[in-house]
Amino acid sequence: MPLRSWLTIAVLLAPAMALAQADYAREQRWAEEITPAILVGDPVHLALASGRKFLAIYAPNASAGAGVIVVHGLGLHPDWGLINALRSGLSDQGYTTLSVQMPVLEPTARGDQYPPLFPEAGERLAAAVAFLRGKGLKKIAIVSHSMGSRMTNYFLNHAVDARIDAWVAIGVSGEFTAPAAFQAPVLDLYGEKDFPAVLDYAATRAAAIRGIRGSGQVEVTGADHFFAGMERELLRQVGLFLERPLR
C-alpha cells in the first residue's frame, strides 16, 4: 500500500493511531538478544535530541572513504537476516557500515500503523549520518529494506542538512513519496517474486526516479521480498550501484 494511502488511514483512524508509540522495551529486548552475538562490528548507542539512545552496529574500515547506513524492515533489528548480510558484505567491499535500530511497534502491529513513528525514524537517520560524518567519512549512502525504505523516504523528504550521496531502496511497497526532493542517485531494487504492493507500483517508481541522474531500477530474477537464498546476488547488485557515487 502506498504511503499516502497509509497516511489517509492514519487520519481516518486518528484516535486509535494517536496511541501508536514506539515499543522501546521491545528494542531493549532485541538489543539484549543480538548484542552478544555480533561478529562483524561493535554496538554503539546514538542519541536523539530528547536524550533517548538507540542501538546501532558500527563496523569501521580503516581504508574506507565512504560509509553506508543500513536500515532494517518492519519490527526487526539491525543484525537481522539480509541486513546482516548487507552490513557485513559491504564492510568486506571496503565500506564503513552503520546498521541502525529503527523504532518498532509491538509484534502484532501492521505496516499501516507505522507512519506515526516516521518522524523519530528520520531523527535516528539524521543522527546516523552525523555519526559517520564525525568519523571523517566524506560520502554516505543509505541501503534500506521494506519498511526501512519507507522510513528513509520520509527522512529524505524532510532532512534539511543531512545530505547523502546515494540511496538503495529494497522492496519498497507502493510509490515513492515526493521524489522531487531526492538529491542523490536512487536504486529501486526488488525481487521477481516480491509482494504485490511492491510489484504493482514498480513502473510508477521507475518513472519517478527516471530524471534523477545515476538512478535506476533492478528486478532480481527468482528473488522474494527477503531475498532468501539470494543474499549474494542482493549484495552484488547493491555493490555495483554504490561503486560510482561512493568511490
C-alpha atoms as a PDB file:
ATOM      1  CA  MET A   1       0.000   0.000   0.000  1.00  0.00           C
ATOM      2  CA  PRO A   2       1.417   3.448  -0.913  1.00  0.00           C
ATOM      3  CA  LEU A   3       2.488   5.683   1.955  1.00  0.00           C
ATOM      4  CA  ARG A   4      -0.101   8.315   1.035  1.00  0.00           C
ATOM      5  CA  SER A   5      -2.795   5.655   1.493  1.00  0.00           C
ATOM      6  CA  TRP A   6      -1.343   4.804   4.906  1.00  0.00           C
ATOM      7  CA  LEU A   7      -1.439   8.454   5.864  1.00  0.00           C
ATOM      8  CA  THR A   8      -5.080   8.686   4.782  1.00  0.00           C
ATOM      9  CA  ILE A   9      -5.892   5.732   7.001  1.00  0.00           C
ATOM     10  CA  ALA A  10      -3.962   7.388   9.824  1.00  0.00           C
ATOM     11  CA  VAL A  11      -6.167  10.473   9.565  1.00  0.00           C
ATOM     12  CA  LEU A  12      -9.391   8.469   9.488  1.00  0.00           C
ATOM     13  CA  LEU A  13      -8.316   6.416  12.484  1.00  0.00           C
ATOM     14  CA  ALA A  14      -6.682   9.285  14.358  1.00  0.00           C
ATOM     15  CA  PRO A  15      -7.991   8.426  17.856  1.00  0.00           C
ATOM     16  CA  ALA A  16      -6.587   4.909  17.692  1.00  0.00           C
ATOM     17  CA  MET A  17      -3.431   5.909  15.850  1.00  0.00           C
ATOM     18  CA  ALA A  18      -2.669   8.529  18.481  1.00  0.00           C
ATOM     19  CA  LEU A  19      -1.950   5.637  20.817  1.00  0.00           C
ATOM     20  CA  ALA A  20       0.719   4.211  18.489  1.00  0.00           C
ATOM     21  CA  GLN A  21       4.054   4.703  20.239  1.00  0.00           C
ATOM     22  CA  ALA A  22       7.435   3.127  19.740  1.00  0.00           C
ATOM     23  CA  ASP A  23       7.922  -0.025  21.788  1.00  0.00           C
ATOM     24  CA  TYR A  24      11.208   0.823  23.488  1.00  0.00           C
ATOM     25  CA  ALA A  25      11.013  -2.235  25.721  1.00  0.00           C
ATOM     26  CA  ARG A  26      10.953  -4.402  22.615  1.00  0.00           C
ATOM     27  CA  GLU A  27      14.017  -2.561  21.301  1.00  0.00           C
ATOM     28  CA  GLN A  28      15.798  -3.322  24.547  1.00  0.00           C
ATOM     29  CA  ARG A  29      14.924  -6.992  24.261  1.00  0.00           C
ATOM     30  CA  TRP A  30      16.284  -7.050  20.695  1.00  0.00           C
ATOM     31  CA  ALA A  31      19.493  -5.384  21.898  1.00  0.00           C
ATOM     32  CA  GLU A  32      19.984  -7.868  24.732  1.00  0.00           C
ATOM     33  CA  GLU A  33      19.443 -10.766  22.343  1.00  0.00           C
ATOM     34  CA  ILE A  34      21.635  -9.712  19.435  1.00  0.00           C
ATOM     35  CA  THR A  35      24.497  -7.769  21.018  1.00  0.00           C
ATOM     36  CA  PRO A  36      26.367 -10.806  22.424  1.00  0.00           C
ATOM     37  CA  ALA A  37      26.240 -12.495  19.002  1.00  0.00           C
ATOM     38  CA  ILE A  38      27.613  -9.644  16.860  1.00  0.00           C
ATOM     39  CA  LEU A  39      30.519 -10.970  14.782  1.00  0.00           C
ATOM     40  CA  VAL A  40      31.232  -8.019  12.487  1.00  0.00           C
ATOM     41  CA  GLY A  41      31.447  -4.582  14.093  1.00  0.00           C
ATOM     42  CA  ASP A  42      30.620  -3.318  17.545  1.00  0.00           C
ATOM     43  CA  PRO A  43      27.480  -1.998  19.253  1.00  0.00           C
ATOM     44  CA  VAL A  44      27.277   1.766  19.697  1.00  0.00           C
ATOM     45  CA  HIS A  45      24.486   3.876  21.136  1.00  0.00           C
ATOM     46  CA  LEU A  46      23.438   7.039  19.337  1.00  0.00           C
ATOM     47  CA  ALA A  47      21.314   9.714  20.986  1.00  0.00           C
ATOM     48  CA  LEU A  48      18.218  11.620  19.900  1.00  0.00           C
ATOM     49  CA  ALA A  49      17.620  15.259  20.798  1.00  0.00           C
ATOM     50  CA  SER A  50      15.409  14.006  23.640  1.00  0.00           C
ATOM     51  CA  GLY A  51      18.382  12.170  25.133  1.00  0.00           C
ATOM     52  CA  ARG A  52      16.929   8.749  24.354  1.00  0.00           C
ATOM     53  CA  LYS A  53      19.575   6.399  22.991  1.00  0.00           C
ATOM     54  CA  PHE A  54      19.225   3.673  20.389  1.00  0.00           C
ATOM     55  CA  LEU A  55      21.395   0.794  19.216  1.00  0.00           C
ATOM     56  CA  ALA A  56      23.494   0.782  16.071  1.00  0.00           C
ATOM     57  CA  ILE A  57      26.169  -1.647  14.882  1.00  0.00           C
ATOM     58  CA  TYR A  58      29.306   0.124  13.689  1.00  0.00           C
ATOM     59  CA  ALA A  59      31.836  -1.685  11.501  1.00  0.00           C
ATOM     60  CA  PRO A  60      34.681   0.712  10.651  1.00  0.00           C
ATOM     61  CA  ASN A  61      37.046   0.120   7.760  1.00  0.00           C
ATOM     62  CA  ALA A  62      40.385   1.913   8.110  1.00  0.00           C
ATOM     63  CA  SER A  63      40.745   2.384   4.352  1.00  0.00           C
ATOM     64  CA  ALA A  64      37.147   3.480   3.715  1.00  0.00           C
ATOM     65  CA  GLY A  65      36.344   6.881   2.307  1.00  0.00           C
ATOM     66  CA  ALA A  66      32.623   6.208   2.363  1.00  0.00           C
ATOM     67  CA  GLY A  67      30.060   4.910   4.814  1.00  0.00           C
ATOM     68  CA  VAL A  68      26.816   3.002   4.351  1.00  0.00           C
ATOM     69  CA  ILE A  69      23.862   3.240   6.739  1.00  0.00           C
ATOM     70  CA  VAL A  70      21.841   0.008   6.696  1.00  0.00           C
ATOM     71  CA  VAL A  71      18.155   0.164   7.632  1.00  0.00           C
ATOM     72  CA  HIS A  72      16.034  -2.879   8.525  1.00  0.00           C
ATOM     73  CA  GLY A  73      12.368  -3.543   7.858  1.00  0.00           C
ATOM     74  CA  LEU A  74       9.182  -3.709   9.918  1.00  0.00           C
ATOM     75  CA  GLY A  75       9.617  -4.677  13.559  1.00  0.00           C
ATOM     76  CA  LEU A  76      13.116  -6.110  13.150  1.00  0.00           C
ATOM     77  CA  HIS A  77      16.643  -5.277  14.338  1.00  0.00           C
ATOM     78  CA  PRO A  78      19.992  -4.129  12.872  1.00  0.00           C
ATOM     79  CA  ASP A  79      21.550  -7.598  12.601  1.00  0.00           C
ATOM     80  CA  TRP A  80      18.572  -9.459  11.170  1.00  0.00           C
ATOM     81  CA  GLY A  81      18.784 -11.756   8.146  1.00  0.00           C
ATOM     82  CA  LEU A  82      19.541  -9.879   4.937  1.00  0.00           C
ATOM     83  CA  ILE A  83      20.537  -6.814   6.989  1.00  0.00           C
ATOM     84  CA  ASN A  84      23.419  -8.809   8.485  1.00  0.00           C
ATOM     85  CA  ALA A  85      24.381  -9.975   5.004  1.00  0.00           C
ATOM     86  CA  LEU A  86      24.369  -6.415   3.693  1.00  0.00           C
ATOM     87  CA  ARG A  87      26.238  -4.731   6.529  1.00  0.00           C
ATOM     88  CA  SER A  88      28.857  -7.493   6.696  1.00  0.00           C
ATOM     89  CA  GLY A  89      29.233  -7.839   2.940  1.00  0.00           C
ATOM     90  CA  LEU A  90      29.536  -4.106   2.341  1.00  0.00           C
ATOM     91  CA  SER A  91      32.177  -3.961   5.043  1.00  0.00           C
ATOM     92  CA  ASP A  92      34.090  -6.634   3.118  1.00  0.00           C
ATOM     93  CA  GLN A  93      33.765  -4.483  -0.002  1.00  0.00           C
ATOM     94  CA  GLY A  94      35.646  -1.663   1.708  1.00  0.00           C
ATOM     95  CA  TYR A  95      32.916   0.482   3.222  1.00  0.00           C
ATOM     96  CA  THR A  96      32.384   1.514   6.811  1.00  0.00           C
ATOM     97  CA  THR A  97      28.891   0.381   7.778  1.00  0.00           C
ATOM     98  CA  LEU A  98      26.429   1.512  10.425  1.00  0.00           C
ATOM     99  CA  SER A  99      23.311  -0.594  10.862  1.00  0.00           C
ATOM    100  CA  VAL A 100      20.663   1.292  12.816  1.00  0.00           C
ATOM    101  CA  GLN A 101      17.848   0.138  15.090  1.00  0.00           C
ATOM    102  CA  MET A 102      14.688   1.816  13.843  1.00  0.00           C
ATOM    103  CA  PRO A 103      11.625   2.406  16.044  1.00  0.00           C
ATOM    104  CA  VAL A 104       9.300  -0.592  16.283  1.00  0.00           C
ATOM    105  CA  LEU A 105       5.784  -1.307  17.464  1.00  0.00           C
ATOM    106  CA  GLU A 106       4.504  -4.448  19.185  1.00  0.00           C
ATOM    107  CA  PRO A 107       4.937  -7.673  17.170  1.00  0.00           C
ATOM    108  CA  THR A 108       1.298  -7.784  16.006  1.00  0.00           C
ATOM    109  CA  ALA A 109       1.316  -4.230  14.592  1.00  0.00           C
ATOM    110  CA  ARG A 110       0.545  -3.761  10.895  1.00  0.00           C
ATOM    111  CA  GLY A 111       2.522  -1.687   8.442  1.00  0.00           C
ATOM    112  CA  ASP A 112      -0.237   0.912   8.211  1.00  0.00           C
ATOM    113  CA  GLN A 113       0.254   1.647  11.916  1.00  0.00           C
ATOM    114  CA  TYR A 114       3.869   2.744  11.463  1.00  0.00           C
ATOM    115  CA  PRO A 115       3.655   6.257   9.908  1.00  0.00           C
ATOM    116  CA  PRO A 116       3.405   7.974  13.329  1.00  0.00           C
ATOM    117  CA  LEU A 117       6.914   6.614  14.005  1.00  0.00           C
ATOM    118  CA  PHE A 118       8.415   8.137  10.854  1.00  0.00           C
ATOM    119  CA  PRO A 119       9.494  11.446  12.463  1.00  0.00           C
ATOM    120  CA  GLU A 120      11.546   9.583  15.064  1.00  0.00           C
ATOM    121  CA  ALA A 121      12.887   7.289  12.342  1.00  0.00           C
ATOM    122  CA  GLY A 122      14.008  10.370  10.443  1.00  0.00           C
ATOM    123  CA  GLU A 123      15.729  11.730  13.533  1.00  0.00           C
ATOM    124  CA  ARG A 124      17.565   8.426  14.000  1.00  0.00           C
ATOM    125  CA  LEU A 125      18.788   8.514  10.418  1.00  0.00           C
ATOM    126  CA  ALA A 126      19.960  12.104  10.847  1.00  0.00           C
ATOM    127  CA  ALA A 127      21.900  11.003  13.942  1.00  0.00           C
ATOM    128  CA  ALA A 128      23.427   8.129  11.953  1.00  0.00           C
ATOM    129  CA  VAL A 129      24.557  10.480   9.183  1.00  0.00           C
ATOM    130  CA  ALA A 130      26.055  12.858  11.751  1.00  0.00           C
ATOM    131  CA  PHE A 131      27.867   9.958  13.450  1.00  0.00           C
ATOM    132  CA  LEU A 132      29.539   8.865  10.202  1.00  0.00           C
ATOM    133  CA  ARG A 133      30.369  12.444   9.225  1.00  0.00           C
ATOM    134  CA  GLY A 134      32.002  12.777  12.621  1.00  0.00           C
ATOM    135  CA  LYS A 135      34.229   9.824  11.724  1.00  0.00           C
ATOM    136  CA  GLY A 136      35.558  11.783   8.758  1.00  0.00           C
ATOM    137  CA  LEU A 137      33.643   9.955   6.038  1.00  0.00           C
ATOM    138  CA  LYS A 138      33.077  12.267   3.104  1.00  0.00           C
ATOM    139  CA  LYS A 139      30.471  10.194   1.279  1.00  0.00           C
ATOM    140  CA  ILE A 140      27.489   8.374   2.769  1.00  0.00           C
ATOM    141  CA  ALA A 141      24.808   6.125   1.312  1.00  0.00           C
ATOM    142  CA  ILE A 142      21.708   4.536   2.789  1.00  0.00           C
ATOM    143  CA  VAL A 143      20.708   0.959   1.990  1.00  0.00           C
ATOM    144  CA  SER A 144      17.234   0.181   3.312  1.00  0.00           C
ATOM    145  CA  HIS A 145      14.754  -2.683   3.177  1.00  0.00           C
ATOM    146  CA  SER A 146      10.951  -2.716   3.166  1.00  0.00           C
ATOM    147  CA  MET A 147       9.532  -0.518   5.965  1.00  0.00           C
ATOM    148  CA  GLY A 148      13.048   0.836   6.415  1.00  0.00           C
ATOM    149  CA  SER A 149      12.784   2.201   2.881  1.00  0.00           C
ATOM    150  CA  ARG A 150       9.528   3.946   3.765  1.00  0.00           C
ATOM    151  CA  MET A 151      11.250   5.499   6.767  1.00  0.00           C
ATOM    152  CA  THR A 152      14.211   6.540   4.623  1.00  0.00           C
ATOM    153  CA  ASN A 153      11.866   8.076   2.067  1.00  0.00           C
ATOM    154  CA  TYR A 154      10.358  10.188   4.866  1.00  0.00           C
ATOM    155  CA  PHE A 155      13.833  11.201   6.031  1.00  0.00           C
ATOM    156  CA  LEU A 156      14.876  12.284   2.526  1.00  0.00           C
ATOM    157  CA  ASN A 157      11.678  14.319   2.179  1.00  0.00           C
ATOM    158  CA  HIS A 158      12.293  16.190   5.441  1.00  0.00           C
ATOM    159  CA  ALA A 159      16.077  16.277   6.043  1.00  0.00           C
ATOM    160  CA  VAL A 160      17.493  19.789   5.961  1.00  0.00           C
ATOM    161  CA  ASP A 161      21.250  19.377   6.240  1.00  0.00           C
ATOM    162  CA  ALA A 162      21.810  15.595   6.358  1.00  0.00           C
ATOM    163  CA  ARG A 163      22.862  15.186   2.720  1.00  0.00           C
ATOM    164  CA  ILE A 164      23.534  11.687   1.404  1.00  0.00           C
ATOM    165  CA  ASP A 165      25.239  10.553  -1.791  1.00  0.00           C
ATOM    166  CA  ALA A 166      23.146   7.512  -2.774  1.00  0.00           C
ATOM    167  CA  TRP A 167      20.110   5.505  -1.710  1.00  0.00           C
ATOM    168  CA  VAL A 168      19.364   1.837  -2.386  1.00  0.00           C
ATOM    169  CA  ALA A 169      15.673   1.210  -1.676  1.00  0.00           C
ATOM    170  CA  ILE A 170      14.976  -2.528  -1.443  1.00  0.00           C
ATOM    171  CA  GLY A 171      11.419  -3.868  -1.579  1.00  0.00           C
ATOM    172  CA  VAL A 172       9.514  -0.577  -1.465  1.00  0.00           C
ATOM    173  CA  SER A 173       5.748  -1.072  -1.132  1.00  0.00           C
ATOM    174  CA  GLY A 174       3.771   1.344  -3.274  1.00  0.00           C
ATOM    175  CA  GLU A 175       5.155   4.590  -4.670  1.00  0.00           C
ATOM    176  CA  PHE A 176       7.990   6.882  -3.701  1.00  0.00           C
ATOM    177  CA  THR A 177       6.700   9.951  -1.884  1.00  0.00           C
ATOM    178  CA  ALA A 178       7.815  13.402  -3.079  1.00  0.00           C
ATOM    179  CA  PRO A 179      10.643  12.060  -5.281  1.00  0.00           C
ATOM    180  CA  ALA A 180      11.353  15.622  -6.430  1.00  0.00           C
ATOM    181  CA  ALA A 181      13.065  16.071  -3.050  1.00  0.00           C
ATOM    182  CA  PHE A 182      15.622  13.338  -3.792  1.00  0.00           C
ATOM    183  CA  GLN A 183      19.028  14.879  -4.426  1.00  0.00           C
ATOM    184  CA  ALA A 184      21.100  11.713  -4.849  1.00  0.00           C
ATOM    185  CA  PRO A 185      21.011   8.688  -7.177  1.00  0.00           C
ATOM    186  CA  VAL A 186      18.387   6.096  -6.228  1.00  0.00           C
ATOM    187  CA  LEU A 187      18.327   2.380  -6.964  1.00  0.00           C
ATOM    188  CA  ASP A 188      14.886   0.781  -6.741  1.00  0.00           C
ATOM    189  CA  LEU A 189      15.706  -2.887  -6.133  1.00  0.00           C
ATOM    190  CA  TYR A 190      13.171  -5.673  -5.704  1.00  0.00           C
ATOM    191  CA  GLY A 191      12.576  -9.352  -6.337  1.00  0.00           C
ATOM    192  CA  GLU A 192      10.692 -11.026  -9.168  1.00  0.00           C
ATOM    193  CA  LYS A 193       8.577 -12.797  -6.519  1.00  0.00           C
ATOM    194  CA  ASP A 194       8.199  -9.761  -4.262  1.00  0.00           C
ATOM    195  CA  PHE A 195       4.988  -8.694  -2.526  1.00  0.00           C
ATOM    196  CA  PRO A 196       2.168  -7.482  -4.821  1.00  0.00           C
ATOM    197  CA  ALA A 197       2.359  -3.984  -3.300  1.00  0.00           C
ATOM    198  CA  VAL A 198       5.990  -3.825  -4.435  1.00  0.00           C
ATOM    199  CA  LEU A 199       5.462  -5.273  -7.915  1.00  0.00           C
ATOM    200  CA  ASP A 200       2.272  -3.386  -8.750  1.00  0.00           C
ATOM    201  CA  TYR A 201       3.947   0.015  -8.387  1.00  0.00           C
ATOM    202  CA  ALA A 202       7.305  -0.815  -9.970  1.00  0.00           C
ATOM    203  CA  ALA A 203       6.583   1.136 -13.159  1.00  0.00           C
ATOM    204  CA  THR A 204       5.422   4.153 -11.151  1.00  0.00           C
ATOM    205  CA  ARG A 205       8.609   4.129  -9.078  1.00  0.00           C
ATOM    206  CA  ALA A 206      10.772   3.773 -12.176  1.00  0.00           C
ATOM    207  CA  ALA A 207       9.098   6.813 -13.727  1.00  0.00           C
ATOM    208  CA  ALA A 208       9.540   8.814 -10.520  1.00  0.00           C
ATOM    209  CA  ILE A 209      13.332   8.444 -10.474  1.00  0.00           C
ATOM    210  CA  ARG A 210      13.961   8.467 -14.227  1.00  0.00           C
ATOM    211  CA  GLY A 211      15.045  12.091 -14.175  1.00  0.00           C
ATOM    212  CA  ILE A 212      17.485  11.666 -11.277  1.00  0.00           C
ATOM    213  CA  ARG A 213      20.949  11.257 -12.721  1.00  0.00           C
ATOM    214  CA  GLY A 214      22.548   7.904 -11.940  1.00  0.00           C
ATOM    215  CA  SER A 215      19.299   6.316 -10.762  1.00  0.00           C
ATOM    216  CA  GLY A 216      17.819   3.044 -11.936  1.00  0.00           C
ATOM    217  CA  GLN A 217      15.637   0.051 -11.192  1.00  0.00           C
ATOM    218  CA  VAL A 218      16.565  -3.634 -10.971  1.00  0.00           C
ATOM    219  CA  GLU A 219      14.286  -6.645 -10.635  1.00  0.00           C
ATOM    220  CA  VAL A 220      16.220  -9.675  -9.406  1.00  0.00           C
ATOM    221  CA  THR A 221      15.063 -12.863 -11.097  1.00  0.00           C
ATOM    222  CA  GLY A 222      13.805 -15.512  -8.681  1.00  0.00           C
ATOM    223  CA  ALA A 223      14.105 -13.353  -5.555  1.00  0.00           C
ATOM    224  CA  ASP A 224      11.360 -12.915  -2.986  1.00  0.00           C
ATOM    225  CA  HIS A 225      10.823  -9.916  -0.689  1.00  0.00           C
ATOM    226  CA  PHE A 226      13.537 -11.108   1.711  1.00  0.00           C
ATOM    227  CA  PHE A 227      15.993 -12.349  -0.946  1.00  0.00           C
ATOM    228  CA  ALA A 228      16.023 -15.704   0.831  1.00  0.00           C
ATOM    229  CA  GLY A 229      18.896 -17.781  -0.549  1.00  0.00           C
ATOM    230  CA  MET A 230      19.874 -14.912  -2.849  1.00  0.00           C
ATOM    231  CA  GLU A 231      21.785 -12.700  -0.450  1.00  0.00           C
ATOM    232  CA  ARG A 232      24.917 -12.828  -2.609  1.00  0.00           C
ATOM    233  CA  GLU A 233      23.049 -11.501  -5.623  1.00  0.00           C
ATOM    234  CA  LEU A 234      21.463  -8.810  -3.475  1.00  0.00           C
ATOM    235  CA  LEU A 235      24.890  -7.737  -2.237  1.00  0.00           C
ATOM    236  CA  ARG A 236      26.276  -7.803  -5.774  1.00  0.00           C
ATOM    237  CA  GLN A 237      23.548  -5.516  -7.089  1.00  0.00           C
ATOM    238  CA  VAL A 238      23.938  -3.099  -4.185  1.00  0.00           C
ATOM    239  CA  GLY A 239      27.718  -3.032  -4.596  1.00  0.00           C
ATOM    240  CA  LEU A 240      27.509  -2.391  -8.328  1.00  0.00           C
ATOM    241  CA  PHE A 241      25.216   0.575  -7.808  1.00  0.00           C
ATOM    242  CA  LEU A 242      27.221   2.147  -4.975  1.00  0.00           C
ATOM    243  CA  GLU A 243      30.516   1.935  -6.854  1.00  0.00           C
ATOM    244  CA  ARG A 244      30.020   5.111  -8.893  1.00  0.00           C
ATOM    245  CA  PRO A 245      28.563   7.576  -6.366  1.00  0.00           C
ATOM    246  CA  LEU A 246      30.765   6.496  -3.437  1.00  0.00           C
ATOM    247  CA  ARG A 247      34.203   5.927  -4.959  1.00  0.00           C
END
